[in-house]
Amino acid sequence: MEEPTRLFVLRHGQTAWNAQLRIQGHLDMPLNAVGRWQATRLAAALQGEELAAVYSSDLSRARETAEPLARLMQLPVVTDEQLRERAFGHFEGQTFEDIETTWPDDAARWRQRDPSFGPGGGERLLDFYERSVSVATRLAQCHPGQAIALVAHGGVLDCLYRAALGIELQAPRSWPVANAAINRLLWTPQGLSMVGWHDAAHLEGVPGDEPPPADTP
């Protein structure tokens, strides 16, 4: 019987476009000042864990989030493009309001979570789900009996949450996928299962801490 793998699945820290509710997809946005603070606090919160590897999406916002954790663990950041956010095609760079105004029919299918829908030039939801679960499975299989971190994106985390709890793709999301929160899953040959979700205590600060820095343009 193959030993289980513990997964810490982590969304990248905040970017300027997160704050603007602007779709990033495969566009390569860096962390803002708040996001860099979140990445530092995330690393400190996980310092007691014995991680065998730190994997990250190859997009800057994820890689920059992974770097403080990898340094603390004295591990390299191993990037994997399969951990990228969903490709959103012509939605990328647009706000939710822009999308509703410019592509109302596409916006409706997106809101309804149509598994067969992909924005023009983008990725179908079903294909994205299969990619997200597949990469988590592949990386977990490399580390039986160990713990690893996967630093990815909100959409990837949503897919893994659904896989762990058997929630269908079209069900509305009722769970958070917060920047730099800690989420814990377990992988066995039977698939993913839930251990804990949305541990964000490290982002609340403690007495004497400086508050998160305000972002600047």
C-alpha atoms as a PDB file:
ATOM      1  CA  MET A   1       0.000   0.000   0.000  1.00  0.00           C
ATOM      2  CA  GLU A   2       1.573   3.301  -1.098  1.00  0.00           C
ATOM      3  CA  GLU A   3       2.079   5.785   1.733  1.00  0.00           C
ATOM      4  CA  PRO A   4      -0.021   8.972   1.568  1.00  0.00           C
ATOM      5  CA  THR A   5       1.423  12.328   0.566  1.00  0.00           C
ATOM      6  CA  ARG A   6       0.548  15.454   2.538  1.00  0.00           C
ATOM      7  CA  LEU A   7      -0.130  18.460   0.317  1.00  0.00           C
ATOM      8  CA  PHE A   8      -0.010  22.101   1.318  1.00  0.00           C
ATOM      9  CA  VAL A   9      -1.893  23.808  -1.508  1.00  0.00           C
ATOM     10  CA  LEU A  10      -1.274  27.549  -1.450  1.00  0.00           C
ATOM     11  CA  ARG A  11      -2.600  30.397  -3.524  1.00  0.00           C
ATOM     12  CA  HIS A  12      -0.115  33.124  -4.443  1.00  0.00           C
ATOM     13  CA  GLY A  13      -0.063  36.429  -2.579  1.00  0.00           C
ATOM     14  CA  GLN A  14      -1.984  39.480  -3.682  1.00  0.00           C
ATOM     15  CA  THR A  15      -1.274  41.323  -6.940  1.00  0.00           C
ATOM     16  CA  ALA A  16      -2.430  44.747  -8.085  1.00  0.00           C
ATOM     17  CA  TRP A  17      -4.908  43.046 -10.411  1.00  0.00           C
ATOM     18  CA  ASN A  18      -6.347  40.944  -7.580  1.00  0.00           C
ATOM     19  CA  ALA A  19      -7.116  44.200  -5.785  1.00  0.00           C
ATOM     20  CA  GLN A  20      -8.763  45.567  -8.955  1.00  0.00           C
ATOM     21  CA  LEU A  21     -10.806  42.381  -9.547  1.00  0.00           C
ATOM     22  CA  ARG A  22      -9.092  42.054 -12.922  1.00  0.00           C
ATOM     23  CA  ILE A  23      -8.686  38.630 -14.594  1.00  0.00           C
ATOM     24  CA  GLN A  24      -5.049  37.516 -14.809  1.00  0.00           C
ATOM     25  CA  GLY A  25      -5.155  33.984 -16.209  1.00  0.00           C
ATOM     26  CA  HIS A  26      -1.839  33.298 -17.942  1.00  0.00           C
ATOM     27  CA  LEU A  27      -0.762  36.961 -17.896  1.00  0.00           C
ATOM     28  CA  ASP A  28       2.362  37.285 -15.764  1.00  0.00           C
ATOM     29  CA  MET A  29       1.695  39.736 -12.925  1.00  0.00           C
ATOM     30  CA  PRO A  30       4.101  40.186  -9.986  1.00  0.00           C
ATOM     31  CA  LEU A  31       3.096  40.418  -6.343  1.00  0.00           C
ATOM     32  CA  ASN A  32       2.311  43.832  -4.928  1.00  0.00           C
ATOM     33  CA  ALA A  33       3.619  45.024  -1.538  1.00  0.00           C
ATOM     34  CA  VAL A  34       0.800  43.304   0.340  1.00  0.00           C
ATOM     35  CA  GLY A  35       1.468  40.091  -1.578  1.00  0.00           C
ATOM     36  CA  ARG A  36       5.152  40.143  -0.670  1.00  0.00           C
ATOM     37  CA  TRP A  37       4.247  40.620   3.007  1.00  0.00           C
ATOM     38  CA  GLN A  38       1.795  37.712   2.732  1.00  0.00           C
ATOM     39  CA  ALA A  39       4.477  35.482   1.203  1.00  0.00           C
ATOM     40  CA  THR A  40       6.835  36.209   4.093  1.00  0.00           C
ATOM     41  CA  ARG A  41       4.161  35.471   6.679  1.00  0.00           C
ATOM     42  CA  LEU A  42       3.167  32.284   4.867  1.00  0.00           C
ATOM     43  CA  ALA A  43       6.738  30.997   4.954  1.00  0.00           C
ATOM     44  CA  ALA A  44       7.028  31.728   8.664  1.00  0.00           C
ATOM     45  CA  ALA A  45       3.741  29.908   9.348  1.00  0.00           C
ATOM     46  CA  LEU A  46       5.054  26.759   7.658  1.00  0.00           C
ATOM     47  CA  GLN A  47       8.561  26.793   9.107  1.00  0.00           C
ATOM     48  CA  GLY A  48       7.830  23.856  11.417  1.00  0.00           C
ATOM     49  CA  GLU A  49       6.803  21.575   8.562  1.00  0.00           C
ATOM     50  CA  GLU A  50       9.253  19.136   7.014  1.00  0.00           C
ATOM     51  CA  LEU A  51       8.671  19.699   3.329  1.00  0.00           C
ATOM     52  CA  ALA A  52      10.338  17.452   0.773  1.00  0.00           C
ATOM     53  CA  ALA A  53       9.711  19.841  -2.141  1.00  0.00           C
ATOM     54  CA  VAL A  54       8.270  23.240  -3.025  1.00  0.00           C
ATOM     55  CA  TYR A  55       6.515  23.249  -6.385  1.00  0.00           C
ATOM     56  CA  SER A  56       5.174  26.391  -8.023  1.00  0.00           C
ATOM     57  CA  SER A  57       3.392  27.609 -11.088  1.00  0.00           C
ATOM     58  CA  ASP A  58       5.918  29.251 -13.389  1.00  0.00           C
ATOM     59  CA  LEU A  59       4.006  32.563 -13.297  1.00  0.00           C
ATOM     60  CA  SER A  60       5.745  35.320 -11.301  1.00  0.00           C
ATOM     61  CA  ARG A  61       3.040  35.787  -8.675  1.00  0.00           C
ATOM     62  CA  ALA A  62       3.221  32.138  -7.643  1.00  0.00           C
ATOM     63  CA  ARG A  63       6.993  31.806  -7.910  1.00  0.00           C
ATOM     64  CA  GLU A  64       7.536  34.958  -5.811  1.00  0.00           C
ATOM     65  CA  THR A  65       5.203  33.525  -3.169  1.00  0.00           C
ATOM     66  CA  ALA A  66       7.083  30.217  -3.133  1.00  0.00           C
ATOM     67  CA  GLU A  67      10.562  31.730  -2.826  1.00  0.00           C
ATOM     68  CA  PRO A  68      10.533  32.748   0.893  1.00  0.00           C
ATOM     69  CA  LEU A  69       9.175  29.318   1.832  1.00  0.00           C
ATOM     70  CA  ALA A  70      11.766  27.509  -0.284  1.00  0.00           C
ATOM     71  CA  ARG A  71      14.598  29.573   1.215  1.00  0.00           C
ATOM     72  CA  LEU A  72      13.410  28.760   4.723  1.00  0.00           C
ATOM     73  CA  MET A  73      13.269  25.057   3.877  1.00  0.00           C
ATOM     74  CA  GLN A  74      16.622  25.216   2.026  1.00  0.00           C
ATOM     75  CA  LEU A  75      14.944  23.804  -1.067  1.00  0.00           C
ATOM     76  CA  PRO A  76      14.755  24.984  -4.675  1.00  0.00           C
ATOM     77  CA  VAL A  77      11.519  26.265  -6.168  1.00  0.00           C
ATOM     78  CA  VAL A  78      10.580  23.708  -8.820  1.00  0.00           C
ATOM     79  CA  THR A  79       8.299  25.353 -11.386  1.00  0.00           C
ATOM     80  CA  ASP A  80       5.662  23.474 -13.351  1.00  0.00           C
ATOM     81  CA  GLU A  81       3.516  25.235 -15.938  1.00  0.00           C
ATOM     82  CA  GLN A  82       0.718  22.727 -15.316  1.00  0.00           C
ATOM     83  CA  LEU A  83       0.125  24.542 -11.998  1.00  0.00           C
ATOM     84  CA  ARG A  84      -0.820  27.711 -13.898  1.00  0.00           C
ATOM     85  CA  GLU A  85      -4.156  29.447 -13.528  1.00  0.00           C
ATOM     86  CA  ARG A  86      -6.828  28.695 -16.111  1.00  0.00           C
ATOM     87  CA  ALA A  87      -6.190  30.332 -19.487  1.00  0.00           C
ATOM     88  CA  PHE A  88      -8.973  32.897 -19.813  1.00  0.00           C
ATOM     89  CA  GLY A  89      -8.419  33.975 -23.415  1.00  0.00           C
ATOM     90  CA  HIS A  90     -10.021  37.318 -24.210  1.00  0.00           C
ATOM     91  CA  PHE A  91     -11.145  37.720 -20.584  1.00  0.00           C
ATOM     92  CA  GLU A  92      -7.540  38.261 -19.486  1.00  0.00           C
ATOM     93  CA  GLY A  93      -6.802  41.830 -18.442  1.00  0.00           C
ATOM     94  CA  GLN A  94     -10.512  42.618 -18.077  1.00  0.00           C
ATOM     95  CA  THR A  95     -12.533  43.395 -14.952  1.00  0.00           C
ATOM     96  CA  PHE A  96     -15.709  41.465 -14.158  1.00  0.00           C
ATOM     97  CA  GLU A  97     -17.707  44.537 -15.183  1.00  0.00           C
ATOM     98  CA  ASP A  98     -15.845  44.740 -18.503  1.00  0.00           C
ATOM     99  CA  ILE A  99     -16.666  41.102 -19.238  1.00  0.00           C
ATOM    100  CA  GLU A 100     -20.362  41.511 -18.429  1.00  0.00           C
ATOM    101  CA  THR A 101     -20.564  44.541 -20.720  1.00  0.00           C
ATOM    102  CA  THR A 102     -18.480  43.297 -23.654  1.00  0.00           C
ATOM    103  CA  TRP A 103     -19.354  39.586 -23.758  1.00  0.00           C
ATOM    104  CA  PRO A 104     -22.709  39.135 -21.982  1.00  0.00           C
ATOM    105  CA  ASP A 105     -23.347  35.661 -23.442  1.00  0.00           C
ATOM    106  CA  ASP A 106     -19.880  34.438 -22.490  1.00  0.00           C
ATOM    107  CA  ALA A 107     -20.277  36.003 -19.055  1.00  0.00           C
ATOM    108  CA  ALA A 108     -23.524  34.080 -18.513  1.00  0.00           C
ATOM    109  CA  ARG A 109     -21.919  30.742 -19.408  1.00  0.00           C
ATOM    110  CA  TRP A 110     -18.972  31.558 -17.149  1.00  0.00           C
ATOM    111  CA  ARG A 111     -21.279  32.408 -14.225  1.00  0.00           C
ATOM    112  CA  GLN A 112     -23.186  29.167 -14.789  1.00  0.00           C
ATOM    113  CA  ARG A 113     -19.888  27.230 -14.668  1.00  0.00           C
ATOM    114  CA  ASP A 114     -20.574  25.491 -17.961  1.00  0.00           C
ATOM    115  CA  PRO A 115     -17.894  22.741 -18.039  1.00  0.00           C
ATOM    116  CA  SER A 116     -17.656  22.901 -21.834  1.00  0.00           C
ATOM    117  CA  PHE A 117     -17.185  26.682 -21.947  1.00  0.00           C
ATOM    118  CA  GLY A 118     -13.868  28.394 -22.542  1.00  0.00           C
ATOM    119  CA  PRO A 119     -13.524  32.137 -23.248  1.00  0.00           C
ATOM    120  CA  GLY A 120     -12.266  32.907 -26.753  1.00  0.00           C
ATOM    121  CA  GLY A 121      -8.708  31.596 -26.972  1.00  0.00           C
ATOM    122  CA  GLY A 122      -8.958  30.204 -23.455  1.00  0.00           C
ATOM    123  CA  GLU A 123      -9.354  26.885 -21.677  1.00  0.00           C
ATOM    124  CA  ARG A 124     -12.547  24.908 -21.135  1.00  0.00           C
ATOM    125  CA  LEU A 125     -13.455  24.493 -17.480  1.00  0.00           C
ATOM    126  CA  LEU A 126     -13.469  20.697 -17.773  1.00  0.00           C
ATOM    127  CA  ASP A 127      -9.997  20.660 -19.337  1.00  0.00           C
ATOM    128  CA  PHE A 128      -8.692  22.990 -16.638  1.00  0.00           C
ATOM    129  CA  TYR A 129     -10.121  20.780 -13.890  1.00  0.00           C
ATOM    130  CA  GLU A 130      -8.510  17.681 -15.364  1.00  0.00           C
ATOM    131  CA  ARG A 131      -5.168  19.490 -15.698  1.00  0.00           C
ATOM    132  CA  SER A 132      -5.251  20.722 -12.093  1.00  0.00           C
ATOM    133  CA  VAL A 133      -6.085  17.336 -10.575  1.00  0.00           C
ATOM    134  CA  SER A 134      -3.612  15.580 -12.851  1.00  0.00           C
ATOM    135  CA  VAL A 135      -0.638  17.752 -11.893  1.00  0.00           C
ATOM    136  CA  ALA A 136      -1.406  17.474  -8.164  1.00  0.00           C
ATOM    137  CA  THR A 137      -1.646  13.700  -8.532  1.00  0.00           C
ATOM    138  CA  ARG A 138       1.580  13.453 -10.528  1.00  0.00           C
ATOM    139  CA  LEU A 139       3.584  15.515  -8.050  1.00  0.00           C
ATOM    140  CA  ALA A 140       2.090  13.738  -5.019  1.00  0.00           C
ATOM    141  CA  GLN A 141       3.031  10.349  -6.500  1.00  0.00           C
ATOM    142  CA  CYS A 142       6.678  11.450  -6.467  1.00  0.00           C
ATOM    143  CA  HIS A 143       6.643  11.881  -2.672  1.00  0.00           C
ATOM    144  CA  PRO A 144       4.971   8.955  -0.885  1.00  0.00           C
ATOM    145  CA  GLY A 145       5.097   9.392   2.874  1.00  0.00           C
ATOM    146  CA  GLN A 146       6.309  12.994   2.560  1.00  0.00           C
ATOM    147  CA  ALA A 147       4.863  16.519   2.565  1.00  0.00           C
ATOM    148  CA  ILE A 148       5.085  18.959  -0.339  1.00  0.00           C
ATOM    149  CA  ALA A 149       3.906  22.479  -1.091  1.00  0.00           C
ATOM    150  CA  LEU A 150       2.071  23.375  -4.292  1.00  0.00           C
ATOM    151  CA  VAL A 151       1.976  27.143  -4.863  1.00  0.00           C
ATOM    152  CA  ALA A 152      -0.611  27.868  -7.498  1.00  0.00           C
ATOM    153  CA  HIS A 153      -3.707  29.965  -8.213  1.00  0.00           C
ATOM    154  CA  GLY A 154      -7.282  30.393  -7.075  1.00  0.00           C
ATOM    155  CA  GLY A 155      -8.758  28.354  -9.897  1.00  0.00           C
ATOM    156  CA  VAL A 156      -6.373  25.452  -9.293  1.00  0.00           C
ATOM    157  CA  LEU A 157      -7.227  25.428  -5.593  1.00  0.00           C
ATOM    158  CA  ASP A 158     -10.937  25.459  -6.391  1.00  0.00           C
ATOM    159  CA  CYS A 159     -10.499  22.372  -8.581  1.00  0.00           C
ATOM    160  CA  LEU A 160      -8.524  20.523  -5.911  1.00  0.00           C
ATOM    161  CA  TYR A 161     -11.130  21.369  -3.257  1.00  0.00           C
ATOM    162  CA  ARG A 162     -13.863  19.942  -5.495  1.00  0.00           C
ATOM    163  CA  ALA A 163     -11.824  16.805  -6.207  1.00  0.00           C
ATOM    164  CA  ALA A 164     -11.140  16.231  -2.500  1.00  0.00           C
ATOM    165  CA  LEU A 165     -14.808  16.561  -1.498  1.00  0.00           C
ATOM    166  CA  GLY A 166     -16.488  15.171  -4.612  1.00  0.00           C
ATOM    167  CA  ILE A 167     -18.204  18.456  -5.522  1.00  0.00           C
ATOM    168  CA  GLU A 168     -19.359  18.747  -9.123  1.00  0.00           C
ATOM    169  CA  LEU A 169     -17.899  21.403 -11.389  1.00  0.00           C
ATOM    170  CA  GLN A 170     -21.184  23.247 -11.866  1.00  0.00           C
ATOM    171  CA  ALA A 171     -21.867  23.692  -8.142  1.00  0.00           C
ATOM    172  CA  PRO A 172     -21.460  27.321  -7.005  1.00  0.00           C
ATOM    173  CA  ARG A 173     -18.346  27.991  -4.965  1.00  0.00           C
ATOM    174  CA  SER A 174     -19.144  28.535  -1.275  1.00  0.00           C
ATOM    175  CA  TRP A 175     -15.594  28.211   0.115  1.00  0.00           C
ATOM    176  CA  PRO A 176     -12.741  30.745   0.184  1.00  0.00           C
ATOM    177  CA  VAL A 177      -9.592  30.547  -1.921  1.00  0.00           C
ATOM    178  CA  ALA A 178      -7.749  33.378  -0.210  1.00  0.00           C
ATOM    179  CA  ASN A 179      -4.343  34.737  -1.140  1.00  0.00           C
ATOM    180  CA  ALA A 180      -1.576  33.055   0.909  1.00  0.00           C
ATOM    181  CA  ALA A 181      -3.907  31.034   3.166  1.00  0.00           C
ATOM    182  CA  ILE A 182      -2.817  27.493   4.105  1.00  0.00           C
ATOM    183  CA  ASN A 183      -4.881  24.584   2.782  1.00  0.00           C
ATOM    184  CA  ARG A 184      -4.117  20.953   3.558  1.00  0.00           C
ATOM    185  CA  LEU A 185      -4.994  17.896   1.487  1.00  0.00           C
ATOM    186  CA  LEU A 186      -3.974  14.259   1.558  1.00  0.00           C
ATOM    187  CA  TRP A 187      -3.255  12.184  -1.525  1.00  0.00           C
ATOM    188  CA  THR A 188      -3.490   8.382  -1.637  1.00  0.00           C
ATOM    189  CA  PRO A 189      -3.885   6.071  -4.645  1.00  0.00           C
ATOM    190  CA  GLN A 190      -7.637   6.482  -4.074  1.00  0.00           C
ATOM    191  CA  GLY A 191      -7.359  10.218  -4.774  1.00  0.00           C
ATOM    192  CA  LEU A 192      -7.410  13.481  -2.839  1.00  0.00           C
ATOM    193  CA  SER A 193      -9.070  14.002   0.535  1.00  0.00           C
ATOM    194  CA  MET A 194      -9.556  17.047   2.743  1.00  0.00           C
ATOM    195  CA  VAL A 195      -7.510  17.681   5.885  1.00  0.00           C
ATOM    196  CA  GLY A 196      -8.092  21.401   6.485  1.00  0.00           C
ATOM    197  CA  TRP A 197      -8.949  24.514   4.508  1.00  0.00           C
ATOM    198  CA  HIS A 198      -8.366  28.253   4.821  1.00  0.00           C
ATOM    199  CA  ASP A 199      -5.949  28.583   7.694  1.00  0.00           C
ATOM    200  CA  ALA A 200      -5.236  32.320   7.549  1.00  0.00           C
ATOM    201  CA  ALA A 201      -4.253  33.058  11.143  1.00  0.00           C
ATOM    202  CA  HIS A 202      -0.738  34.010  10.030  1.00  0.00           C
ATOM    203  CA  LEU A 203      -2.190  36.874   7.994  1.00  0.00           C
ATOM    204  CA  GLU A 204      -4.077  38.430  10.903  1.00  0.00           C
ATOM    205  CA  GLY A 205      -0.968  39.687  12.692  1.00  0.00           C
ATOM    206  CA  VAL A 206      -0.130  39.547  16.401  1.00  0.00           C
ATOM    207  CA  PRO A 207       0.407  42.332  18.961  1.00  0.00           C
ATOM    208  CA  GLY A 208       3.523  44.317  18.122  1.00  0.00           C
ATOM    209  CA  ASP A 209       3.487  43.394  14.439  1.00  0.00           C
ATOM    210  CA  GLU A 210       3.564  46.031  11.752  1.00  0.00           C
ATOM    211  CA  PRO A 211       0.373  45.973   9.648  1.00  0.00           C
ATOM    212  CA  PRO A 212       0.584  44.871   6.017  1.00  0.00           C
ATOM    213  CA  PRO A 213       2.169  47.657   3.958  1.00  0.00           C
ATOM    214  CA  ALA A 214      -0.171  49.698   1.797  1.00  0.00           C
ATOM    215  CA  ASP A 215       0.302  48.995  -1.896  1.00  0.00           C
ATOM    216  CA  THR A 216       1.676  51.723  -4.118  1.00  0.00           C
ATOM    217  CA  PRO A 217       1.150  52.160  -7.871  1.00  0.00           C
END
